Amino acid sequence: MNGSVAENRTLDITSLTVGPHFSYPLSSYWRIGCKLLTGYLHYPSLPLTDLTTPSRNGICFGCGTSLTFLTYKDFDVRFFLDYDLVPPPKSASGEYMSMLTAGASFAVSF
């Protein structure tokens, strides 16, 4: 922009989470599901023009719910809503960040 190259301000996150996932059939076509997760999160260091943010690790938590529709024998459509609580990328902040994700997925079962 204006003859300058913009900085890469992408914040990468690597996480590993574990926890129970449940699914309950409402009918032969519909299922409702939920999950409760906890895990480990890592932010790698991010070099910027004037400074470099150090890498950081922390504990993360998540939960979610889903509604799945079985369209054919081996194909389903899932609508989900997930909530994640993650540590801040900068330790000085001390405030966890909340992330709410809504989406859909398509799956083929074997």
PDB file of N, CA and C in Angstrom:
ATOM      1  N   MET A   1       0.841  -1.163   0.000  1.00  0.00           N
ATOM      2  CA  MET A   1       0.000   0.000   0.000  1.00  0.00           C
ATOM      3  C   MET A   1       0.894   1.236   0.000  1.00  0.00           C
ATOM      4  N   ASN A   2       0.622   2.185  -0.851  1.00  0.00           N
ATOM      5  CA  ASN A   2       1.418   3.400  -0.972  1.00  0.00           C
ATOM      6  C   ASN A   2       2.907   3.102  -1.153  1.00  0.00           C
ATOM      7  N   GLY A   3       3.208   2.058  -1.946  1.00  0.00           N
ATOM      8  CA  GLY A   3       4.593   1.695  -2.198  1.00  0.00           C
ATOM      9  C   GLY A   3       5.235   0.859  -1.122  1.00  0.00           C
ATOM     10  N   SER A   4       4.505   0.494  -0.073  1.00  0.00           N
ATOM     11  CA  SER A   4       5.040  -0.319   1.018  1.00  0.00           C
ATOM     12  C   SER A   4       4.386  -1.690   1.003  1.00  0.00           C
ATOM     13  N   VAL A   5       5.135  -2.666   1.474  1.00  0.00           N
ATOM     14  CA  VAL A   5       4.581  -4.006   1.608  1.00  0.00           C
ATOM     15  C   VAL A   5       3.951  -4.119   2.997  1.00  0.00           C
ATOM     16  N   ALA A   6       2.731  -4.607   3.043  1.00  0.00           N
ATOM     17  CA  ALA A   6       2.030  -4.755   4.315  1.00  0.00           C
ATOM     18  C   ALA A   6       2.640  -5.900   5.119  1.00  0.00           C
ATOM     19  N   GLU A   7       2.616  -5.761   6.435  1.00  0.00           N
ATOM     20  CA  GLU A   7       3.133  -6.803   7.312  1.00  0.00           C
ATOM     21  C   GLU A   7       2.182  -7.995   7.345  1.00  0.00           C
ATOM     22  N   ASN A   8       2.757  -9.156   7.603  1.00  0.00           N
ATOM     23  CA  ASN A   8       1.941 -10.346   7.815  1.00  0.00           C
ATOM     24  C   ASN A   8       1.419 -10.303   9.244  1.00  0.00           C
ATOM     25  N   ARG A   9       0.165 -10.001   9.417  1.00  0.00           N
ATOM     26  CA  ARG A   9      -0.416  -9.895  10.761  1.00  0.00           C
ATOM     27  C   ARG A   9      -1.318 -11.087  11.055  1.00  0.00           C
ATOM     28  N   THR A  10      -0.964 -12.223  10.484  1.00  0.00           N
ATOM     29  CA  THR A  10      -1.722 -13.434  10.735  1.00  0.00           C
ATOM     30  C   THR A  10      -1.272 -14.053  12.045  1.00  0.00           C
ATOM     31  N   LEU A  11      -2.199 -14.366  12.906  1.00  0.00           N
ATOM     32  CA  LEU A  11      -1.898 -14.988  14.186  1.00  0.00           C
ATOM     33  C   LEU A  11      -2.203 -16.472  14.068  1.00  0.00           C
ATOM     34  N   ASP A  12      -1.155 -17.286  14.062  1.00  0.00           N
ATOM     35  CA  ASP A  12      -1.330 -18.737  13.955  1.00  0.00           C
ATOM     36  C   ASP A  12      -1.613 -19.318  15.332  1.00  0.00           C
ATOM     37  N   ILE A  13      -2.435 -20.350  15.359  1.00  0.00           N
ATOM     38  CA  ILE A  13      -2.759 -21.042  16.599  1.00  0.00           C
ATOM     39  C   ILE A  13      -2.684 -22.540  16.328  1.00  0.00           C
ATOM     40  N   THR A  14      -2.039 -23.268  17.208  1.00  0.00           N
ATOM     41  CA  THR A  14      -2.029 -24.723  17.163  1.00  0.00           C
ATOM     42  C   THR A  14      -2.633 -25.212  18.470  1.00  0.00           C
ATOM     43  N   SER A  15      -3.593 -26.121  18.363  1.00  0.00           N
ATOM     44  CA  SER A  15      -4.215 -26.606  19.592  1.00  0.00           C
ATOM     45  C   SER A  15      -4.477 -28.100  19.510  1.00  0.00           C
ATOM     46  N   LEU A  16      -4.531 -28.716  20.661  1.00  0.00           N
ATOM     47  CA  LEU A  16      -4.880 -30.127  20.799  1.00  0.00           C
ATOM     48  C   LEU A  16      -5.910 -30.204  21.920  1.00  0.00           C
ATOM     49  N   THR A  17      -7.101 -30.690  21.599  1.00  0.00           N
ATOM     50  CA  THR A  17      -8.169 -30.761  22.594  1.00  0.00           C
ATOM     51  C   THR A  17      -8.707 -32.178  22.687  1.00  0.00           C
ATOM     52  N   VAL A  18      -9.192 -32.531  23.845  1.00  0.00           N
ATOM     53  CA  VAL A  18      -9.819 -33.832  24.085  1.00  0.00           C
ATOM     54  C   VAL A  18     -11.068 -33.617  24.922  1.00  0.00           C
ATOM     55  N   GLY A  19     -11.981 -34.566  24.816  1.00  0.00           N
ATOM     56  CA  GLY A  19     -13.184 -34.490  25.625  1.00  0.00           C
ATOM     57  C   GLY A  19     -14.295 -35.330  25.050  1.00  0.00           C
ATOM     58  N   PRO A  20     -15.377 -35.465  25.790  1.00  0.00           N
ATOM     59  CA  PRO A  20     -16.492 -36.290  25.336  1.00  0.00           C
ATOM     60  C   PRO A  20     -17.326 -35.604  24.250  1.00  0.00           C
ATOM     61  N   HIS A  21     -17.778 -36.417  23.311  1.00  0.00           N
ATOM     62  CA  HIS A  21     -18.715 -36.010  22.257  1.00  0.00           C
ATOM     63  C   HIS A  21     -19.919 -36.948  22.364  1.00  0.00           C
ATOM     64  N   PHE A  22     -21.099 -36.386  22.409  1.00  0.00           N
ATOM     65  CA  PHE A  22     -22.310 -37.192  22.530  1.00  0.00           C
ATOM     66  C   PHE A  22     -23.231 -36.916  21.349  1.00  0.00           C
ATOM     67  N   SER A  23     -23.985 -37.927  20.950  1.00  0.00           N
ATOM     68  CA  SER A  23     -24.967 -37.778  19.888  1.00  0.00           C
ATOM     69  C   SER A  23     -26.203 -38.582  20.282  1.00  0.00           C
ATOM     70  N   TYR A  24     -27.371 -37.972  20.116  1.00  0.00           N
ATOM     71  CA  TYR A  24     -28.613 -38.635  20.485  1.00  0.00           C
ATOM     72  C   TYR A  24     -29.581 -38.577  19.302  1.00  0.00           C
ATOM     73  N   PRO A  25     -30.092 -39.731  18.861  1.00  0.00           N
ATOM     74  CA  PRO A  25     -31.030 -39.720  17.736  1.00  0.00           C
ATOM     75  C   PRO A  25     -32.408 -39.197  18.154  1.00  0.00           C
ATOM     76  N   LEU A  26     -32.892 -38.205  17.432  1.00  0.00           N
ATOM     77  CA  LEU A  26     -34.239 -37.682  17.669  1.00  0.00           C
ATOM     78  C   LEU A  26     -35.271 -38.441  16.843  1.00  0.00           C
ATOM     79  N   SER A  27     -34.842 -38.879  15.655  1.00  0.00           N
ATOM     80  CA  SER A  27     -35.672 -39.687  14.765  1.00  0.00           C
ATOM     81  C   SER A  27     -34.719 -40.458  13.855  1.00  0.00           C
ATOM     82  N   SER A  28     -35.252 -41.112  12.854  1.00  0.00           N
ATOM     83  CA  SER A  28     -34.362 -41.845  11.946  1.00  0.00           C
ATOM     84  C   SER A  28     -33.560 -40.901  11.044  1.00  0.00           C
ATOM     85  N   TYR A  29     -33.933 -39.632  10.976  1.00  0.00           N
ATOM     86  CA  TYR A  29     -33.224 -38.670  10.136  1.00  0.00           C
ATOM     87  C   TYR A  29     -32.483 -37.581  10.913  1.00  0.00           C
ATOM     88  N   TRP A  30     -32.856 -37.346  12.143  1.00  0.00           N
ATOM     89  CA  TRP A  30     -32.280 -36.231  12.912  1.00  0.00           C
ATOM     90  C   TRP A  30     -31.514 -36.727  14.135  1.00  0.00           C
ATOM     91  N   ARG A  31     -30.377 -36.081  14.402  1.00  0.00           N
ATOM     92  CA  ARG A  31     -29.586 -36.334  15.611  1.00  0.00           C
ATOM     93  C   ARG A  31     -29.200 -35.001  16.221  1.00  0.00           C
ATOM     94  N   ILE A  32     -29.135 -34.968  17.539  1.00  0.00           N
ATOM     95  CA  ILE A  32     -28.640 -33.787  18.228  1.00  0.00           C
ATOM     96  C   ILE A  32     -27.347 -34.199  18.937  1.00  0.00           C
ATOM     97  N   GLY A  33     -26.373 -33.312  18.954  1.00  0.00           N
ATOM     98  CA  GLY A  33     -25.087 -33.662  19.542  1.00  0.00           C
ATOM     99  C   GLY A  33     -24.539 -32.539  20.411  1.00  0.00           C
ATOM    100  N   CYS A  34     -23.580 -32.895  21.255  1.00  0.00           N
ATOM    101  CA  CYS A  34     -22.900 -31.899  22.068  1.00  0.00           C
ATOM    102  C   CYS A  34     -21.485 -32.392  22.362  1.00  0.00           C
ATOM    103  N   LYS A  35     -20.635 -31.461  22.762  1.00  0.00           N
ATOM    104  CA  LYS A  35     -19.258 -31.804  23.119  1.00  0.00           C
ATOM    105  C   LYS A  35     -18.776 -30.857  24.203  1.00  0.00           C
ATOM    106  N   LEU A  36     -17.805 -31.322  24.961  1.00  0.00           N
ATOM    107  CA  LEU A  36     -17.189 -30.546  26.024  1.00  0.00           C
ATOM    108  C   LEU A  36     -15.691 -30.848  25.969  1.00  0.00           C
ATOM    109  N   LEU A  37     -14.880 -29.839  25.687  1.00  0.00           N
ATOM    110  CA  LEU A  37     -13.465 -30.055  25.420  1.00  0.00           C
ATOM    111  C   LEU A  37     -12.565 -29.234  26.328  1.00  0.00           C
ATOM    112  N   THR A  38     -11.375 -29.737  26.556  1.00  0.00           N
ATOM    113  CA  THR A  38     -10.305 -28.993  27.195  1.00  0.00           C
ATOM    114  C   THR A  38      -9.020 -29.376  26.474  1.00  0.00           C
ATOM    115  N   GLY A  39      -8.054 -28.479  26.491  1.00  0.00           N
ATOM    116  CA  GLY A  39      -6.842 -28.794  25.753  1.00  0.00           C
ATOM    117  C   GLY A  39      -5.723 -27.803  25.961  1.00  0.00           C
ATOM    118  N   TYR A  40      -4.755 -27.908  25.083  1.00  0.00           N
ATOM    119  CA  TYR A  40      -3.524 -27.134  25.123  1.00  0.00           C
ATOM    120  C   TYR A  40      -3.437 -26.310  23.847  1.00  0.00           C
ATOM    121  N   LEU A  41      -3.068 -25.042  23.978  1.00  0.00           N
ATOM    122  CA  LEU A  41      -3.007 -24.132  22.829  1.00  0.00           C
ATOM    123  C   LEU A  41      -1.622 -23.493  22.768  1.00  0.00           C
ATOM    124  N   HIS A  42      -1.102 -23.315  21.559  1.00  0.00           N
ATOM    125  CA  HIS A  42       0.223 -22.711  21.366  1.00  0.00           C
ATOM    126  C   HIS A  42       0.137 -21.617  20.306  1.00  0.00           C
ATOM    127  N   TYR A  43       0.626 -20.421  20.664  1.00  0.00           N
ATOM    128  CA  TYR A  43       0.809 -19.329  19.714  1.00  0.00           C
ATOM    129  C   TYR A  43       2.306 -19.259  19.403  1.00  0.00           C
ATOM    130  N   PRO A  44       2.733 -19.439  18.148  1.00  0.00           N
ATOM    131  CA  PRO A  44       4.152 -19.251  17.841  1.00  0.00           C
ATOM    132  C   PRO A  44       4.511 -17.765  17.867  1.00  0.00           C
ATOM    133  N   SER A  45       5.796 -17.454  17.935  1.00  0.00           N
ATOM    134  CA  SER A  45       6.202 -16.041  17.936  1.00  0.00           C
ATOM    135  C   SER A  45       5.849 -15.403  16.598  1.00  0.00           C
ATOM    136  N   LEU A  46       5.558 -14.113  16.631  1.00  0.00           N
ATOM    137  CA  LEU A  46       5.136 -13.381  15.443  1.00  0.00           C
ATOM    138  C   LEU A  46       6.037 -12.169  15.270  1.00  0.00           C
ATOM    139  N   PRO A  47       6.962 -12.208  14.285  1.00  0.00           N
ATOM    140  CA  PRO A  47       7.839 -11.055  14.073  1.00  0.00           C
ATOM    141  C   PRO A  47       7.114  -9.936  13.310  1.00  0.00           C
ATOM    142  N   LEU A  48       7.140  -8.733  13.860  1.00  0.00           N
ATOM    143  CA  LEU A  48       6.584  -7.547  13.222  1.00  0.00           C
ATOM    144  C   LEU A  48       7.731  -6.564  12.966  1.00  0.00           C
ATOM    145  N   THR A  49       7.460  -5.435  12.335  1.00  0.00           N
ATOM    146  CA  THR A  49       8.511  -4.483  12.004  1.00  0.00           C
ATOM    147  C   THR A  49       9.231  -3.958  13.237  1.00  0.00           C
ATOM    148  N   ASP A  50       8.488  -3.478  14.232  1.00  0.00           N
ATOM    149  CA  ASP A  50       9.124  -2.860  15.400  1.00  0.00           C
ATOM    150  C   ASP A  50       9.372  -3.826  16.551  1.00  0.00           C
ATOM    151  N   LEU A  51       8.684  -4.965  16.581  1.00  0.00           N
ATOM    152  CA  LEU A  51       8.832  -5.889  17.697  1.00  0.00           C
ATOM    153  C   LEU A  51       8.477  -7.299  17.275  1.00  0.00           C
ATOM    154  N   THR A  52       8.764  -8.222  18.147  1.00  0.00           N
ATOM    155  CA  THR A  52       8.391  -9.619  17.942  1.00  0.00           C
ATOM    156  C   THR A  52       7.604 -10.076  19.157  1.00  0.00           C
ATOM    157  N   THR A  53       6.399 -10.571  18.910  1.00  0.00           N
ATOM    158  CA  THR A  53       5.629 -11.101  20.038  1.00  0.00           C
ATOM    159  C   THR A  53       6.156 -12.493  20.349  1.00  0.00           C
ATOM    160  N   PRO A  54       6.439 -12.784  21.607  1.00  0.00           N
ATOM    161  CA  PRO A  54       6.987 -14.103  21.946  1.00  0.00           C
ATOM    162  C   PRO A  54       5.929 -15.200  21.825  1.00  0.00           C
ATOM    163  N   SER A  55       6.389 -16.433  21.711  1.00  0.00           N
ATOM    164  CA  SER A  55       5.443 -17.545  21.683  1.00  0.00           C
ATOM    165  C   SER A  55       4.785 -17.679  23.054  1.00  0.00           C
ATOM    166  N   ARG A  56       3.627 -18.293  23.054  1.00  0.00           N
ATOM    167  CA  ARG A  56       2.874 -18.414  24.303  1.00  0.00           C
ATOM    168  C   ARG A  56       2.076 -19.704  24.266  1.00  0.00           C
ATOM    169  N   ASN A  57       1.901 -20.317  25.422  1.00  0.00           N
ATOM    170  CA  ASN A  57       1.120 -21.547  25.572  1.00  0.00           C
ATOM    171  C   ASN A  57       0.042 -21.329  26.618  1.00  0.00           C
ATOM    172  N   GLY A  58      -0.984 -22.154  26.574  1.00  0.00           N
ATOM    173  CA  GLY A  58      -2.023 -22.036  27.584  1.00  0.00           C
ATOM    174  C   GLY A  58      -3.057 -23.133  27.484  1.00  0.00           C
ATOM    175  N   ILE A  59      -3.941 -23.143  28.438  1.00  0.00           N
ATOM    176  CA  ILE A  59      -5.043 -24.102  28.486  1.00  0.00           C
ATOM    177  C   ILE A  59      -6.258 -23.473  27.808  1.00  0.00           C
ATOM    178  N   CYS A  60      -6.950 -24.258  26.989  1.00  0.00           N
ATOM    179  CA  CYS A  60      -8.152 -23.766  26.318  1.00  0.00           C
ATOM    180  C   CYS A  60      -9.332 -24.679  26.660  1.00  0.00           C
ATOM    181  N   PHE A  61     -10.517 -24.145  26.514  1.00  0.00           N
ATOM    182  CA  PHE A  61     -11.751 -24.866  26.817  1.00  0.00           C
ATOM    183  C   PHE A  61     -12.738 -24.635  25.674  1.00  0.00           C
ATOM    184  N   GLY A  62     -13.628 -25.587  25.471  1.00  0.00           N
ATOM    185  CA  GLY A  62     -14.628 -25.423  24.420  1.00  0.00           C
ATOM    186  C   GLY A  62     -15.841 -26.284  24.682  1.00  0.00           C
ATOM    187  N   CYS A  63     -16.944 -25.861  24.092  1.00  0.00           N
ATOM    188  CA  CYS A  63     -18.166 -26.649  24.133  1.00  0.00           C
ATOM    189  C   CYS A  63     -18.934 -26.366  22.853  1.00  0.00           C
ATOM    190  N   GLY A  64     -19.845 -27.239  22.525  1.00  0.00           N
ATOM    191  CA  GLY A  64     -20.596 -27.026  21.306  1.00  0.00           C
ATOM    192  C   GLY A  64     -21.816 -27.906  21.232  1.00  0.00           C
ATOM    193  N   THR A  65     -22.683 -27.544  20.330  1.00  0.00           N
ATOM    194  CA  THR A  65     -23.888 -28.312  20.080  1.00  0.00           C
ATOM    195  C   THR A  65     -24.080 -28.418  18.571  1.00  0.00           C
ATOM    196  N   SER A  66     -24.766 -29.461  18.143  1.00  0.00           N
ATOM    197  CA  SER A  66     -24.983 -29.653  16.712  1.00  0.00           C
ATOM    198  C   SER A  66     -26.326 -30.316  16.459  1.00  0.00           C
ATOM    199  N   LEU A  67     -26.810 -30.122  15.261  1.00  0.00           N
ATOM    200  CA  LEU A  67     -28.032 -30.760  14.785  1.00  0.00           C
ATOM    201  C   LEU A  67     -27.694 -31.367  13.429  1.00  0.00           C
ATOM    202  N   THR A  68     -27.849 -32.674  13.301  1.00  0.00           N
ATOM    203  CA  THR A  68     -27.460 -33.398  12.089  1.00  0.00           C
ATOM    204  C   THR A  68     -28.691 -33.958  11.409  1.00  0.00           C
ATOM    205  N   PHE A  69     -28.733 -33.792  10.085  1.00  0.00           N
ATOM    206  CA  PHE A  69     -29.807 -34.339   9.259  1.00  0.00           C
ATOM    207  C   PHE A  69     -29.203 -35.377   8.328  1.00  0.00           C
ATOM    208  N   LEU A  70     -29.703 -36.610   8.396  1.00  0.00           N
ATOM    209  CA  LEU A  70     -29.222 -37.681   7.519  1.00  0.00           C
ATOM    210  C   LEU A  70     -30.016 -37.621   6.217  1.00  0.00           C
ATOM    211  N   THR A  71     -29.374 -37.131   5.154  1.00  0.00           N
ATOM    212  CA  THR A  71     -30.097 -36.943   3.897  1.00  0.00           C
ATOM    213  C   THR A  71     -30.240 -38.230   3.111  1.00  0.00           C
ATOM    214  N   TYR A  72     -29.203 -39.019   3.062  1.00  0.00           N
ATOM    215  CA  TYR A  72     -29.207 -40.319   2.392  1.00  0.00           C
ATOM    216  C   TYR A  72     -28.619 -41.333   3.343  1.00  0.00           C
ATOM    217  N   LYS A  73     -28.479 -42.555   2.906  1.00  0.00           N
ATOM    218  CA  LYS A  73     -27.971 -43.615   3.771  1.00  0.00           C
ATOM    219  C   LYS A  73     -26.606 -43.277   4.373  1.00  0.00           C
ATOM    220  N   ASP A  74     -25.678 -42.775   3.576  1.00  0.00           N
ATOM    221  CA  ASP A  74     -24.315 -42.524   4.043  1.00  0.00           C
ATOM    222  C   ASP A  74     -23.905 -41.058   3.949  1.00  0.00           C
ATOM    223  N   PHE A  75     -24.829 -40.139   3.891  1.00  0.00           N
ATOM    224  CA  PHE A  75     -24.507 -38.725   3.735  1.00  0.00           C
ATOM    225  C   PHE A  75     -25.315 -37.914   4.739  1.00  0.00           C
ATOM    226  N   ASP A  76     -24.632 -36.987   5.437  1.00  0.00           N
ATOM    227  CA  ASP A  76     -25.371 -36.152   6.379  1.00  0.00           C
ATOM    228  C   ASP A  76     -24.901 -34.703   6.328  1.00  0.00           C
ATOM    229  N   VAL A  77     -25.775 -33.825   6.793  1.00  0.00           N
ATOM    230  CA  VAL A  77     -25.511 -32.393   6.884  1.00  0.00           C
ATOM    231  C   VAL A  77     -25.610 -32.031   8.368  1.00  0.00           C
ATOM    232  N   ARG A  78     -24.589 -31.335   8.863  1.00  0.00           N
ATOM    233  CA  ARG A  78     -24.555 -30.984  10.292  1.00  0.00           C
ATOM    234  C   ARG A  78     -24.460 -29.477  10.443  1.00  0.00           C
ATOM    235  N   PHE A  79     -25.307 -28.923  11.281  1.00  0.00           N
ATOM    236  CA  PHE A  79     -25.262 -27.506  11.637  1.00  0.00           C
ATOM    237  C   PHE A  79     -24.750 -27.424  13.069  1.00  0.00           C
ATOM    238  N   PHE A  80     -23.799 -26.540  13.325  1.00  0.00           N
ATOM    239  CA  PHE A  80     -23.189 -26.528  14.647  1.00  0.00           C
ATOM    240  C   PHE A  80     -22.985 -25.115  15.165  1.00  0.00           C
ATOM    241  N   LEU A  81     -22.850 -25.027  16.477  1.00  0.00           N
ATOM    242  CA  LEU A  81     -22.535 -23.787  17.179  1.00  0.00           C
ATOM    243  C   LEU A  81     -21.524 -24.156  18.265  1.00  0.00           C
ATOM    244  N   ASP A  82     -20.317 -23.593  18.160  1.00  0.00           N
ATOM    245  CA  ASP A  82     -19.232 -23.898  19.090  1.00  0.00           C
ATOM    246  C   ASP A  82     -18.816 -22.638  19.840  1.00  0.00           C
ATOM    247  N   TYR A  83     -18.461 -22.801  21.101  1.00  0.00           N
ATOM    248  CA  TYR A  83     -17.941 -21.712  21.921  1.00  0.00           C
ATOM    249  C   TYR A  83     -16.577 -22.144  22.457  1.00  0.00           C
ATOM    250  N   ASP A  84     -15.564 -21.303  22.270  1.00  0.00           N
ATOM    251  CA  ASP A  84     -14.213 -21.611  22.741  1.00  0.00           C
ATOM    252  C   ASP A  84     -13.705 -20.470  23.609  1.00  0.00           C
ATOM    253  N   LEU A  85     -13.004 -20.832  24.658  1.00  0.00           N
ATOM    254  CA  LEU A  85     -12.374 -19.883  25.567  1.00  0.00           C
ATOM    255  C   LEU A  85     -10.874 -20.144  25.490  1.00  0.00           C
ATOM    256  N   VAL A  86     -10.115 -19.171  24.945  1.00  0.00           N
ATOM    257  CA  VAL A  86      -8.685 -19.369  24.695  1.00  0.00           C
ATOM    258  C   VAL A  86      -7.866 -18.292  25.411  1.00  0.00           C
ATOM    259  N   PRO A  87      -6.634 -18.638  25.815  1.00  0.00           N
ATOM    260  CA  PRO A  87      -5.787 -17.653  26.484  1.00  0.00           C
ATOM    261  C   PRO A  87      -5.362 -16.564  25.509  1.00  0.00           C
ATOM    262  N   PRO A  88      -5.013 -15.391  26.011  1.00  0.00           N
ATOM    263  CA  PRO A  88      -4.597 -14.304  25.120  1.00  0.00           C
ATOM    264  C   PRO A  88      -3.227 -14.600  24.507  1.00  0.00           C
ATOM    265  N   PRO A  89      -2.962 -14.081  23.302  1.00  0.00           N
ATOM    266  CA  PRO A  89      -1.650 -14.303  22.686  1.00  0.00           C
ATOM    267  C   PRO A  89      -0.529 -13.536  23.396  1.00  0.00           C
ATOM    268  N   LYS A  90      -0.885 -12.557  24.199  1.00  0.00           N
ATOM    269  CA  LYS A  90       0.094 -11.753  24.926  1.00  0.00           C
ATOM    270  C   LYS A  90      -0.152 -11.937  26.418  1.00  0.00           C
ATOM    271  N   SER A  91       0.874 -12.345  27.159  1.00  0.00           N
ATOM    272  CA  SER A  91       0.683 -12.671  28.573  1.00  0.00           C
ATOM    273  C   SER A  91       0.324 -11.454  29.429  1.00  0.00           C
ATOM    274  N   ALA A  92       0.684 -10.253  28.996  1.00  0.00           N
ATOM    275  CA  ALA A  92       0.389  -9.049  29.785  1.00  0.00           C
ATOM    276  C   ALA A  92      -1.113  -8.811  29.892  1.00  0.00           C
ATOM    277  N   SER A  93      -1.884  -9.276  28.920  1.00  0.00           N
ATOM    278  CA  SER A  93      -3.320  -9.043  28.924  1.00  0.00           C
ATOM    279  C   SER A  93      -3.997  -9.796  30.067  1.00  0.00           C
ATOM    280  N   GLY A  94      -3.755 -11.086  30.156  1.00  0.00           N
ATOM    281  CA  GLY A  94      -4.347 -11.889  31.220  1.00  0.00           C
ATOM    282  C   GLY A  94      -5.811 -12.204  31.035  1.00  0.00           C
ATOM    283  N   GLU A  95      -6.464 -11.651  30.028  1.00  0.00           N
ATOM    284  CA  GLU A  95      -7.883 -11.905  29.794  1.00  0.00           C
ATOM    285  C   GLU A  95      -8.055 -12.960  28.715  1.00  0.00           C
ATOM    286  N   TYR A  96      -8.842 -13.974  29.013  1.00  0.00           N
ATOM    287  CA  TYR A  96      -9.129 -15.001  28.016  1.00  0.00           C
ATOM    288  C   TYR A  96     -10.019 -14.419  26.918  1.00  0.00           C
ATOM    289  N   MET A  97      -9.883 -14.958  25.711  1.00  0.00           N
ATOM    290  CA  MET A  97     -10.697 -14.521  24.575  1.00  0.00           C
ATOM    291  C   MET A  97     -11.812 -15.534  24.341  1.00  0.00           C
ATOM    292  N   SER A  98     -12.984 -15.035  23.997  1.00  0.00           N
ATOM    293  CA  SER A  98     -14.125 -15.883  23.671  1.00  0.00           C
ATOM    294  C   SER A  98     -14.311 -15.905  22.168  1.00  0.00           C
ATOM    295  N   MET A  99     -14.538 -17.106  21.636  1.00  0.00           N
ATOM    296  CA  MET A  99     -14.795 -17.255  20.197  1.00  0.00           C
ATOM    297  C   MET A  99     -16.070 -18.065  20.022  1.00  0.00           C
ATOM    298  N   LEU A 100     -16.972 -17.545  19.217  1.00  0.00           N
ATOM    299  CA  LEU A 100     -18.224 -18.221  18.901  1.00  0.00           C
ATOM    300  C   LEU A 100     -18.209 -18.538  17.417  1.00  0.00           C
ATOM    301  N   THR A 101     -18.402 -19.810  17.064  1.00  0.00           N
ATOM    302  CA  THR A 101     -18.349 -20.246  15.666  1.00  0.00           C
ATOM    303  C   THR A 101     -19.653 -20.933  15.305  1.00  0.00           C
ATOM    304  N   ALA A 102     -20.271 -20.481  14.235  1.00  0.00           N
ATOM    305  CA  ALA A 102     -21.466 -21.129  13.699  1.00  0.00           C
ATOM    306  C   ALA A 102     -21.131 -21.617  12.303  1.00  0.00           C
ATOM    307  N   GLY A 103     -21.628 -22.787  11.951  1.00  0.00           N
ATOM    308  CA  GLY A 103     -21.310 -23.294  10.624  1.00  0.00           C
ATOM    309  C   GLY A 103     -22.090 -24.531  10.265  1.00  0.00           C
ATOM    310  N   ALA A 104     -21.694 -25.110   9.152  1.00  0.00           N
ATOM    311  CA  ALA A 104     -22.307 -26.334   8.650  1.00  0.00           C
ATOM    312  C   ALA A 104     -21.215 -27.216   8.072  1.00  0.00           C
ATOM    313  N   SER A 105     -21.449 -28.516   8.103  1.00  0.00           N
ATOM    314  CA  SER A 105     -20.513 -29.449   7.509  1.00  0.00           C
ATOM    315  C   SER A 105     -21.299 -30.544   6.803  1.00  0.00           C
ATOM    316  N   PHE A 106     -20.626 -31.169   5.862  1.00  0.00           N
ATOM    317  CA  PHE A 106     -21.207 -32.260   5.095  1.00  0.00           C
ATOM    318  C   PHE A 106     -20.296 -33.469   5.264  1.00  0.00           C
ATOM    319  N   ALA A 107     -20.862 -34.640   5.498  1.00  0.00           N
ATOM    320  CA  ALA A 107     -20.039 -35.816   5.754  1.00  0.00           C
ATOM    321  C   ALA A 107     -20.586 -37.034   5.016  1.00  0.00           C
ATOM    322  N   VAL A 108     -19.649 -37.867   4.604  1.00  0.00           N
ATOM    323  CA  VAL A 108     -19.980 -39.157   3.992  1.00  0.00           C
ATOM    324  C   VAL A 108     -19.493 -40.227   4.956  1.00  0.00           C
ATOM    325  N   SER A 109     -20.374 -41.146   5.349  1.00  0.00           N
ATOM    326  CA  SER A 109     -20.030 -42.222   6.284  1.00  0.00           C
ATOM    327  C   SER A 109     -19.830 -43.519   5.519  1.00  0.00           C
ATOM    328  N   PHE A 110     -18.925 -44.332   6.025  1.00  0.00           N
ATOM    329  CA  PHE A 110     -18.667 -45.625   5.403  1.00  0.00           C
ATOM    330  C   PHE A 110     -19.114 -46.747   6.303  1.00  0.00           C
TER     331      PHE A 110
END
